[in-house]
Amino acid sequence: AAGATRGAAPAGAGRARFVDLREHANACDMRAPDAEHRPLASGVD
C-alpha cells in the first residue's frame, strides 16, 4: 500500500494480504493512462 516492494512475512503475522505475480508478468496488462509512475494512491494533490 505504501510502495512497490515487499519483505518476508514475519513470524506469527497471520494471513498476509498479497498475491505474488512476479513469475506471471507477461500475463499482466501493463498498459496505463498517461501518468507519471507513482506508488499506490500517493502523490495525488
All heavy atoms as atom14 arrays in JSON, in Angstrom:
{
  "sequence": "AAGATRGAAPAGAGRARFVDLREHANACDMRAPDAEHRPLASGVD",
  "atom14_mask": [
    [1, 1, 1, 1, 1, 0, 0, 0, 0, 0, 0, 0, 0, 0],
    [1, 1, 1, 1, 1, 0, 0, 0, 0, 0, 0, 0, 0, 0],
    [1, 1, 1, 1, 0, 0, 0, 0, 0, 0, 0, 0, 0, 0],
    [1, 1, 1, 1, 1, 0, 0, 0, 0, 0, 0, 0, 0, 0],
    [1, 1, 1, 1, 1, 1, 1, 0, 0, 0, 0, 0, 0, 0],
    [1, 1, 1, 1, 1, 1, 1, 1, 1, 1, 1, 0, 0, 0],
    [1, 1, 1, 1, 0, 0, 0, 0, 0, 0, 0, 0, 0, 0],
    [1, 1, 1, 1, 1, 0, 0, 0, 0, 0, 0, 0, 0, 0],
    [1, 1, 1, 1, 1, 0, 0, 0, 0, 0, 0, 0, 0, 0],
    [1, 1, 1, 1, 1, 1, 1, 0, 0, 0, 0, 0, 0, 0],
    [1, 1, 1, 1, 1, 0, 0, 0, 0, 0, 0, 0, 0, 0],
    [1, 1, 1, 1, 0, 0, 0, 0, 0, 0, 0, 0, 0, 0],
    [1, 1, 1, 1, 1, 0, 0, 0, 0, 0, 0, 0, 0, 0],
    [1, 1, 1, 1, 0, 0, 0, 0, 0, 0, 0, 0, 0, 0],
    [1, 1, 1, 1, 1, 1, 1, 1, 1, 1, 1, 0, 0, 0],
    [1, 1, 1, 1, 1, 0, 0, 0, 0, 0, 0, 0, 0, 0],
    [1, 1, 1, 1, 1, 1, 1, 1, 1, 1, 1, 0, 0, 0],
    [1, 1, 1, 1, 1, 1, 1, 1, 1, 1, 1, 0, 0, 0],
    [1, 1, 1, 1, 1, 1, 1, 0, 0, 0, 0, 0, 0, 0],
    [1, 1, 1, 1, 1, 1, 1, 1, 0, 0, 0, 0, 0, 0],
    [1, 1, 1, 1, 1, 1, 1, 1, 0, 0, 0, 0, 0, 0],
    [1, 1, 1, 1, 1, 1, 1, 1, 1, 1, 1, 0, 0, 0],
    [1, 1, 1, 1, 1, 1, 1, 1, 1, 0, 0, 0, 0, 0],
    [1, 1, 1, 1, 1, 1, 1, 1, 1, 1, 0, 0, 0, 0],
    [1, 1, 1, 1, 1, 0, 0, 0, 0, 0, 0, 0, 0, 0],
    [1, 1, 1, 1, 1, 1, 1, 1, 0, 0, 0, 0, 0, 0],
    [1, 1, 1, 1, 1, 0, 0, 0, 0, 0, 0, 0, 0, 0],
    [1, 1, 1, 1, 1, 1, 0, 0, 0, 0, 0, 0, 0, 0],
    [1, 1, 1, 1, 1, 1, 1, 1, 0, 0, 0, 0, 0, 0],
    [1, 1, 1, 1, 1, 1, 1, 1, 0, 0, 0, 0, 0, 0],
    [1, 1, 1, 1, 1, 1, 1, 1, 1, 1, 1, 0, 0, 0],
    [1, 1, 1, 1, 1, 0, 0, 0, 0, 0, 0, 0, 0, 0],
    [1, 1, 1, 1, 1, 1, 1, 0, 0, 0, 0, 0, 0, 0],
    [1, 1, 1, 1, 1, 1, 1, 1, 0, 0, 0, 0, 0, 0],
    [1, 1, 1, 1, 1, 0, 0, 0, 0, 0, 0, 0, 0, 0],
    [1, 1, 1, 1, 1, 1, 1, 1, 1, 0, 0, 0, 0, 0],
    [1, 1, 1, 1, 1, 1, 1, 1, 1, 1, 0, 0, 0, 0],
    [1, 1, 1, 1, 1, 1, 1, 1, 1, 1, 1, 0, 0, 0],
    [1, 1, 1, 1, 1, 1, 1, 0, 0, 0, 0, 0, 0, 0],
    [1, 1, 1, 1, 1, 1, 1, 1, 0, 0, 0, 0, 0, 0],
    [1, 1, 1, 1, 1, 0, 0, 0, 0, 0, 0, 0, 0, 0],
    [1, 1, 1, 1, 1, 1, 0, 0, 0, 0, 0, 0, 0, 0],
    [1, 1, 1, 1, 0, 0, 0, 0, 0, 0, 0, 0, 0, 0],
    [1, 1, 1, 1, 1, 1, 1, 0, 0, 0, 0, 0, 0, 0],
    [1, 1, 1, 1, 1, 1, 1, 1, 0, 0, 0, 0, 0, 0]
  ],
  "atom14_positions": [
    [[0.8, -1.21, 0.0], [0.0, 0.0, 0.0], [0.84, 1.26, 0.0], [0.41, 2.29, -0.51], [-0.95, 0.01, 1.19], [0.0, 0.0, 0.0], [0.0, 0.0, 0.0], [0.0, 0.0, 0.0], [0.0, 0.0, 0.0], [0.0, 0.0, 0.0], [0.0, 0.0, 0.0], [0.0, 0.0, 0.0], [0.0, 0.0, 0.0], [0.0, 0.0, 0.0]],
    [[2.05, 1.22, 0.55], [2.88, 2.42, 0.61], [4.07, 2.36, -0.33], [4.94, 3.21, -0.28], [3.37, 2.65, 2.04], [0.0, 0.0, 0.0], [0.0, 0.0, 0.0], [0.0, 0.0, 0.0], [0.0, 0.0, 0.0], [0.0, 0.0, 0.0], [0.0, 0.0, 0.0], [0.0, 0.0, 0.0], [0.0, 0.0, 0.0], [0.0, 0.0, 0.0]],
    [[4.14, 1.36, -1.18], [5.28, 1.29, -2.08], [5.22, 0.08, -2.98], [4.19, -0.55, -3.13], [0.0, 0.0, 0.0], [0.0, 0.0, 0.0], [0.0, 0.0, 0.0], [0.0, 0.0, 0.0], [0.0, 0.0, 0.0], [0.0, 0.0, 0.0], [0.0, 0.0, 0.0], [0.0, 0.0, 0.0], [0.0, 0.0, 0.0], [0.0, 0.0, 0.0]],
    [[6.37, -0.26, -3.57], [6.38, -1.28, -4.61], [7.14, -2.54, -4.24], [7.28, -3.43, -5.07], [6.99, -0.7, -5.89], [0.0, 0.0, 0.0], [0.0, 0.0, 0.0], [0.0, 0.0, 0.0], [0.0, 0.0, 0.0], [0.0, 0.0, 0.0], [0.0, 0.0, 0.0], [0.0, 0.0, 0.0], [0.0, 0.0, 0.0], [0.0, 0.0, 0.0]],
    [[7.69, -2.63, -3.05], [8.46, -3.81, -2.69], [7.83, -4.49, -1.49], [6.99, -3.94, -0.8], [9.91, -3.44, -2.33], [9.9, -2.54, -1.21], [10.59, -2.75, -3.5], [0.0, 0.0, 0.0], [0.0, 0.0, 0.0], [0.0, 0.0, 0.0], [0.0, 0.0, 0.0], [0.0, 0.0, 0.0], [0.0, 0.0, 0.0], [0.0, 0.0, 0.0]],
    [[8.24, -5.7, -1.23], [7.73, -6.41, -0.07], [8.86, -7.18, 0.6], [9.87, -7.51, -0.01], [6.62, -7.39, -0.47], [7.11, -8.57, -1.32], [5.97, -9.58, -1.51], [6.38, -10.67, -2.39], [6.97, -11.77, -1.95], [7.26, -11.92, -0.69], [7.3, -12.73, -2.79], [0.0, 0.0, 0.0], [0.0, 0.0, 0.0], [0.0, 0.0, 0.0]],
    [[8.67, -7.48, 1.88], [9.64, -8.29, 2.6], [9.03, -9.63, 2.92], [7.89, -9.92, 2.59], [0.0, 0.0, 0.0], [0.0, 0.0, 0.0], [0.0, 0.0, 0.0], [0.0, 0.0, 0.0], [0.0, 0.0, 0.0], [0.0, 0.0, 0.0], [0.0, 0.0, 0.0], [0.0, 0.0, 0.0], [0.0, 0.0, 0.0], [0.0, 0.0, 0.0]],
    [[9.78, -10.47, 3.61], [9.26, -11.77, 4.01], [8.24, -11.58, 5.12], [8.31, -10.65, 5.91], [10.4, -12.66, 4.5], [0.0, 0.0, 0.0], [0.0, 0.0, 0.0], [0.0, 0.0, 0.0], [0.0, 0.0, 0.0], [0.0, 0.0, 0.0], [0.0, 0.0, 0.0], [0.0, 0.0, 0.0], [0.0, 0.0, 0.0], [0.0, 0.0, 0.0]],
    [[7.28, -12.49, 5.19], [6.25, -12.4, 6.23], [6.88, -12.67, 7.58], [7.55, -13.67, 7.77], [5.14, -13.41, 5.96], [0.0, 0.0, 0.0], [0.0, 0.0, 0.0], [0.0, 0.0, 0.0], [0.0, 0.0, 0.0], [0.0, 0.0, 0.0], [0.0, 0.0, 0.0], [0.0, 0.0, 0.0], [0.0, 0.0, 0.0], [0.0, 0.0, 0.0]],
    [[6.69, -11.78, 8.58], [7.23, -12.01, 9.9], [6.52, -13.16, 10.59], [5.36, -13.45, 10.3], [6.97, -10.68, 10.63], [5.84, -10.07, 9.9], [5.97, -10.51, 8.47], [0.0, 0.0, 0.0], [0.0, 0.0, 0.0], [0.0, 0.0, 0.0], [0.0, 0.0, 0.0], [0.0, 0.0, 0.0], [0.0, 0.0, 0.0], [0.0, 0.0, 0.0]],
    [[7.21, -13.82, 11.52], [6.63, -14.94, 12.24], [5.39, -14.5, 13.01], [5.37, -13.45, 13.62], [7.67, -15.52, 13.19], [0.0, 0.0, 0.0], [0.0, 0.0, 0.0], [0.0, 0.0, 0.0], [0.0, 0.0, 0.0], [0.0, 0.0, 0.0], [0.0, 0.0, 0.0], [0.0, 0.0, 0.0], [0.0, 0.0, 0.0], [0.0, 0.0, 0.0]],
    [[4.35, -15.31, 12.95], [3.14, -15.02, 13.7], [2.34, -13.86, 13.15], [1.52, -13.28, 13.85], [0.0, 0.0, 0.0], [0.0, 0.0, 0.0], [0.0, 0.0, 0.0], [0.0, 0.0, 0.0], [0.0, 0.0, 0.0], [0.0, 0.0, 0.0], [0.0, 0.0, 0.0], [0.0, 0.0, 0.0], [0.0, 0.0, 0.0], [0.0, 0.0, 0.0]],
    [[2.56, -13.49, 11.91], [1.91, -12.3, 11.37], [0.47, -12.51, 10.98], [-0.24, -11.58, 10.68], [2.69, -11.81, 10.14], [0.0, 0.0, 0.0], [0.0, 0.0, 0.0], [0.0, 0.0, 0.0], [0.0, 0.0, 0.0], [0.0, 0.0, 0.0], [0.0, 0.0, 0.0], [0.0, 0.0, 0.0], [0.0, 0.0, 0.0], [0.0, 0.0, 0.0]],
    [[-0.01, -13.77, 10.97], [-1.36, -14.01, 10.48], [-1.32, -14.15, 8.97], [-0.27, -14.3, 8.36], [0.0, 0.0, 0.0], [0.0, 0.0, 0.0], [0.0, 0.0, 0.0], [0.0, 0.0, 0.0], [0.0, 0.0, 0.0], [0.0, 0.0, 0.0], [0.0, 0.0, 0.0], [0.0, 0.0, 0.0], [0.0, 0.0, 0.0], [0.0, 0.0, 0.0]],
    [[-2.49, -14.09, 8.35], [-2.56, -14.27, 6.9], [-2.19, -12.97, 6.2], [-2.77, -11.93, 6.43], [-3.99, -14.69, 6.52], [-4.16, -15.06, 5.06], [-5.56, -15.55, 4.8], [-5.79, -16.83, 5.47], [-6.5, -16.97, 6.58], [-7.02, -15.91, 7.16], [-6.67, -18.14, 7.13], [0.0, 0.0, 0.0], [0.0, 0.0, 0.0], [0.0, 0.0, 0.0]],
    [[-1.19, -13.05, 5.32], [-0.73, -11.85, 4.61], [-1.61, -11.59, 3.4], [-2.1, -12.51, 2.76], [0.71, -12.01, 4.17], [0.0, 0.0, 0.0], [0.0, 0.0, 0.0], [0.0, 0.0, 0.0], [0.0, 0.0, 0.0], [0.0, 0.0, 0.0], [0.0, 0.0, 0.0], [0.0, 0.0, 0.0], [0.0, 0.0, 0.0], [0.0, 0.0, 0.0]],
    [[-1.78, -10.3, 3.1], [-2.69, -9.9, 2.03], [-1.92, -9.55, 0.77], [-1.84, -8.4, 0.37], [-3.55, -8.72, 2.49], [-4.52, -9.12, 3.6], [-5.37, -7.98, 4.07], [-6.5, -8.48, 4.85], [-7.45, -7.73, 5.37], [-7.42, -6.43, 5.2], [-8.43, -8.27, 6.06], [0.0, 0.0, 0.0], [0.0, 0.0, 0.0], [0.0, 0.0, 0.0]],
    [[-1.3, -10.55, 0.15], [-0.6, -10.29, -1.09], [-0.74, -11.46, -2.05], [-0.93, -12.6, -1.65], [0.89, -10.0, -0.85], [1.73, -11.23, -0.62], [2.45, -11.79, -1.67], [1.83, -11.81, 0.63], [3.23, -12.92, -1.47], [2.62, -12.93, 0.85], [3.32, -13.49, -0.21], [0.0, 0.0, 0.0], [0.0, 0.0, 0.0], [0.0, 0.0, 0.0]],
    [[-0.67, -11.16, -3.32], [-0.56, -12.16, -4.37], [0.7, -11.85, -5.15], [0.88, -10.74, -5.63], [-1.8, -12.12, -5.32], [-1.59, -13.04, -6.5], [-3.06, -12.5, -4.56], [0.0, 0.0, 0.0], [0.0, 0.0, 0.0], [0.0, 0.0, 0.0], [0.0, 0.0, 0.0], [0.0, 0.0, 0.0], [0.0, 0.0, 0.0], [0.0, 0.0, 0.0]],
    [[1.59, -12.82, -5.24], [2.87, -12.62, -5.89], [2.76, -13.03, -7.36], [2.58, -14.2, -7.68], [3.94, -13.46, -5.19], [5.35, -13.08, -5.61], [5.49, -12.37, -6.63], [6.3, -13.48, -4.94], [0.0, 0.0, 0.0], [0.0, 0.0, 0.0], [0.0, 0.0, 0.0], [0.0, 0.0, 0.0], [0.0, 0.0, 0.0], [0.0, 0.0, 0.0]],
    [[2.81, -12.05, -8.25], [2.68, -12.31, -9.68], [4.0, -12.11, -10.42], [4.02, -11.88, -11.62], [1.61, -11.4, -10.28], [0.19, -11.61, -9.76], [-0.75, -10.57, -10.35], [-0.32, -13.01, -10.1], [0.0, 0.0, 0.0], [0.0, 0.0, 0.0], [0.0, 0.0, 0.0], [0.0, 0.0, 0.0], [0.0, 0.0, 0.0], [0.0, 0.0, 0.0]],
    [[5.11, -12.21, -9.7], [6.4, -11.93, -10.33], [6.68, -12.87, -11.49], [7.29, -12.49, -12.49], [7.52, -12.03, -9.3], [7.56, -10.87, -8.32], [8.63, -11.05, -7.28], [8.36, -12.23, -6.46], [9.2, -12.71, -5.54], [10.36, -12.13, -5.35], [8.87, -13.76, -4.81], [0.0, 0.0, 0.0], [0.0, 0.0, 0.0], [0.0, 0.0, 0.0]],
    [[6.25, -14.11, -11.38], [6.53, -15.09, -12.44], [5.5, -15.01, -13.57], [5.59, -15.75, -14.54], [6.53, -16.5, -11.86], [7.65, -16.71, -10.83], [7.64, -18.13, -10.28], [6.79, -18.93, -10.74], [8.47, -18.44, -9.42], [0.0, 0.0, 0.0], [0.0, 0.0, 0.0], [0.0, 0.0, 0.0], [0.0, 0.0, 0.0], [0.0, 0.0, 0.0]],
    [[4.54, -14.11, -13.44], [3.46, -14.03, -14.43], [3.37, -12.64, -15.05], [2.3, -12.24, -15.5], [2.14, -14.4, -13.79], [2.16, -15.71, -13.07], [2.12, -16.91, -13.74], [2.24, -16.01, -11.75], [2.16, -17.9, -12.85], [2.24, -17.38, -11.64], [0.0, 0.0, 0.0], [0.0, 0.0, 0.0], [0.0, 0.0, 0.0], [0.0, 0.0, 0.0]],
    [[4.47, -11.91, -15.06], [4.43, -10.53, -15.55], [3.93, -10.45, -16.98], [3.2, -9.52, -17.34], [5.82, -9.9, -15.45], [0.0, 0.0, 0.0], [0.0, 0.0, 0.0], [0.0, 0.0, 0.0], [0.0, 0.0, 0.0], [0.0, 0.0, 0.0], [0.0, 0.0, 0.0], [0.0, 0.0, 0.0], [0.0, 0.0, 0.0], [0.0, 0.0, 0.0]],
    [[4.28, -11.42, -17.79], [3.87, -11.37, -19.19], [2.37, -11.61, -19.37], [1.82, -11.35, -20.44], [4.65, -12.41, -20.01], [6.12, -12.04, -20.13], [6.46, -10.86, -20.19], [6.98, -13.04, -20.14], [0.0, 0.0, 0.0], [0.0, 0.0, 0.0], [0.0, 0.0, 0.0], [0.0, 0.0, 0.0], [0.0, 0.0, 0.0], [0.0, 0.0, 0.0]],
    [[1.71, -12.1, -18.3], [0.26, -12.32, -18.36], [-0.51, -11.16, -17.75], [-1.7, -11.27, -17.52], [-0.1, -13.61, -17.64], [0.0, 0.0, 0.0], [0.0, 0.0, 0.0], [0.0, 0.0, 0.0], [0.0, 0.0, 0.0], [0.0, 0.0, 0.0], [0.0, 0.0, 0.0], [0.0, 0.0, 0.0], [0.0, 0.0, 0.0], [0.0, 0.0, 0.0]],
    [[0.17, -10.04, -17.47], [-0.48, -8.87, -16.88], [-0.52, -7.74, -17.91], [0.46, -7.5, -18.62], [0.28, -8.39, -15.64], [0.34, -9.61, -14.32], [0.0, 0.0, 0.0], [0.0, 0.0, 0.0], [0.0, 0.0, 0.0], [0.0, 0.0, 0.0], [0.0, 0.0, 0.0], [0.0, 0.0, 0.0], [0.0, 0.0, 0.0], [0.0, 0.0, 0.0]],
    [[-1.66, -7.1, -17.98], [-1.83, -5.97, -18.89], [-1.21, -4.74, -18.24], [-1.75, -4.16, -17.32], [-3.32, -5.74, -19.15], [-3.56, -4.66, -20.2], [-2.57, -4.01, -20.62], [-4.72, -4.48, -20.58], [0.0, 0.0, 0.0], [0.0, 0.0, 0.0], [0.0, 0.0, 0.0], [0.0, 0.0, 0.0], [0.0, 0.0, 0.0], [0.0, 0.0, 0.0]],
    [[-0.03, -4.33, -18.73], [0.72, -3.23, -18.13], [0.32, -1.87, -18.67], [0.86, -0.86, -18.25], [2.22, -3.43, -18.36], [2.82, -4.59, -17.61], [3.07, -4.18, -15.88], [3.93, -5.64, -15.32], [0.0, 0.0, 0.0], [0.0, 0.0, 0.0], [0.0, 0.0, 0.0], [0.0, 0.0, 0.0], [0.0, 0.0, 0.0], [0.0, 0.0, 0.0]],
    [[-0.62, -1.85, -19.61], [-1.0, -0.56, -20.18], [-1.62, 0.31, -19.1], [-2.39, -0.15, -18.28], [-1.97, -0.76, -21.33], [-1.35, -1.41, -22.55], [-2.41, -1.8, -23.54], [-3.28, -2.84, -23.0], [-4.28, -3.39, -23.69], [-4.53, -2.99, -24.92], [-5.02, -4.32, -23.14], [0.0, 0.0, 0.0], [0.0, 0.0, 0.0], [0.0, 0.0, 0.0]],
    [[-1.24, 1.6, -19.1], [-1.73, 2.51, -18.06], [-2.01, 3.87, -18.67], [-1.53, 4.19, -19.76], [-0.68, 2.64, -16.96], [0.0, 0.0, 0.0], [0.0, 0.0, 0.0], [0.0, 0.0, 0.0], [0.0, 0.0, 0.0], [0.0, 0.0, 0.0], [0.0, 0.0, 0.0], [0.0, 0.0, 0.0], [0.0, 0.0, 0.0], [0.0, 0.0, 0.0]],
    [[-2.79, 4.71, -18.0], [-3.02, 6.07, -18.5], [-1.71, 6.84, -18.6], [-0.7, 6.45, -18.01], [-3.94, 6.68, -17.43], [-4.53, 5.52, -16.71], [-3.49, 4.45, -16.76], [0.0, 0.0, 0.0], [0.0, 0.0, 0.0], [0.0, 0.0, 0.0], [0.0, 0.0, 0.0], [0.0, 0.0, 0.0], [0.0, 0.0, 0.0], [0.0, 0.0, 0.0]],
    [[-1.74, 7.93, -19.35], [-0.54, 8.77, -19.46], [-0.33, 9.5, -18.16], [-0.86, 10.59, -17.93], [-0.7, 9.77, -20.62], [-0.74, 9.07, -21.96], [-0.15, 7.99, -22.06], [-1.37, 9.61, -22.87], [0.0, 0.0, 0.0], [0.0, 0.0, 0.0], [0.0, 0.0, 0.0], [0.0, 0.0, 0.0], [0.0, 0.0, 0.0], [0.0, 0.0, 0.0]],
    [[0.42, 8.88, -17.25], [0.66, 9.47, -15.93], [2.03, 9.03, -15.45], [2.52, 7.97, -15.79], [-0.41, 9.01, -14.95], [0.0, 0.0, 0.0], [0.0, 0.0, 0.0], [0.0, 0.0, 0.0], [0.0, 0.0, 0.0], [0.0, 0.0, 0.0], [0.0, 0.0, 0.0], [0.0, 0.0, 0.0], [0.0, 0.0, 0.0], [0.0, 0.0, 0.0]],
    [[2.63, 9.89, -14.66], [3.91, 9.55, -14.07], [3.72, 8.39, -13.1], [2.77, 8.35, -12.33], [4.46, 10.76, -13.31], [5.79, 10.49, -12.62], [6.24, 11.69, -11.8], [5.56, 12.72, -11.88], [7.24, 11.56, -11.09], [0.0, 0.0, 0.0], [0.0, 0.0, 0.0], [0.0, 0.0, 0.0], [0.0, 0.0, 0.0], [0.0, 0.0, 0.0]],
    [[4.64, 7.41, -13.13], [4.52, 6.26, -12.25], [4.76, 6.67, -10.81], [5.75, 7.29, -10.49], [5.52, 5.17, -12.64], [5.56, 4.05, -11.65], [4.51, 3.18, -11.47], [6.5, 3.71, -10.74], [4.82, 2.32, -10.52], [6.02, 2.62, -10.05], [0.0, 0.0, 0.0], [0.0, 0.0, 0.0], [0.0, 0.0, 0.0], [0.0, 0.0, 0.0]],
    [[3.82, 6.34, -9.95], [3.96, 6.57, -8.52], [3.42, 5.35, -7.79], [2.62, 4.6, -8.34], [3.15, 7.8, -8.07], [3.58, 9.12, -8.69], [2.81, 10.25, -8.01], [3.2, 11.56, -8.53], [2.48, 12.23, -9.4], [1.37, 11.71, -9.86], [2.87, 13.42, -9.81], [0.0, 0.0, 0.0], [0.0, 0.0, 0.0], [0.0, 0.0, 0.0]],
    [[3.8, 5.14, -6.51], [3.21, 4.05, -5.74], [1.71, 4.21, -5.59], [1.14, 5.25, -5.9], [3.92, 4.15, -4.38], [5.2, 4.86, -4.68], [4.87, 5.82, -5.78], [0.0, 0.0, 0.0], [0.0, 0.0, 0.0], [0.0, 0.0, 0.0], [0.0, 0.0, 0.0], [0.0, 0.0, 0.0], [0.0, 0.0, 0.0], [0.0, 0.0, 0.0]],
    [[1.07, 3.17, -5.08], [-0.38, 3.16, -4.94], [-0.88, 4.4, -4.22], [-0.47, 4.69, -3.1], [-0.83, 1.93, -4.18], [-0.87, 0.61, -4.96], [-1.06, -0.55, -4.0], [-2.01, 0.63, -5.97], [0.0, 0.0, 0.0], [0.0, 0.0, 0.0], [0.0, 0.0, 0.0], [0.0, 0.0, 0.0], [0.0, 0.0, 0.0], [0.0, 0.0, 0.0]],
    [[-1.78, 5.13, -4.86], [-2.53, 6.23, -4.24], [-1.66, 7.31, -3.62], [-2.1, 8.02, -2.73], [-3.49, 5.69, -3.18], [0.0, 0.0, 0.0], [0.0, 0.0, 0.0], [0.0, 0.0, 0.0], [0.0, 0.0, 0.0], [0.0, 0.0, 0.0], [0.0, 0.0, 0.0], [0.0, 0.0, 0.0], [0.0, 0.0, 0.0], [0.0, 0.0, 0.0]],
    [[-0.43, 7.47, -4.05], [0.41, 8.51, -3.48], [0.66, 9.61, -4.49], [0.63, 9.38, -5.69], [1.75, 7.93, -3.02], [2.53, 7.54, -4.13], [0.0, 0.0, 0.0], [0.0, 0.0, 0.0], [0.0, 0.0, 0.0], [0.0, 0.0, 0.0], [0.0, 0.0, 0.0], [0.0, 0.0, 0.0], [0.0, 0.0, 0.0], [0.0, 0.0, 0.0]],
    [[0.9, 10.8, -4.0], [1.27, 11.89, -4.88], [0.12, 12.55, -5.6], [0.35, 13.33, -6.52], [0.0, 0.0, 0.0], [0.0, 0.0, 0.0], [0.0, 0.0, 0.0], [0.0, 0.0, 0.0], [0.0, 0.0, 0.0], [0.0, 0.0, 0.0], [0.0, 0.0, 0.0], [0.0, 0.0, 0.0], [0.0, 0.0, 0.0], [0.0, 0.0, 0.0]],
    [[-1.12, 12.28, -5.22], [-2.27, 12.93, -5.83], [-2.64, 14.13, -4.99], [-2.96, 14.0, -3.81], [-3.47, 11.96, -5.94], [-4.67, 12.69, -6.51], [-3.11, 10.77, -6.8], [0.0, 0.0, 0.0], [0.0, 0.0, 0.0], [0.0, 0.0, 0.0], [0.0, 0.0, 0.0], [0.0, 0.0, 0.0], [0.0, 0.0, 0.0], [0.0, 0.0, 0.0]],
    [[-2.6, 15.3, -5.57], [-2.95, 16.51, -4.83], [-4.37, 16.4, -4.27], [-5.28, 15.89, -4.93], [-2.86, 17.74, -5.74], [-1.42, 18.08, -6.11], [-0.51, 17.6, -5.41], [-1.22, 18.79, -7.1], [0.0, 0.0, 0.0], [0.0, 0.0, 0.0], [0.0, 0.0, 0.0], [0.0, 0.0, 0.0], [0.0, 0.0, 0.0], [0.0, 0.0, 0.0]]
  ]
}
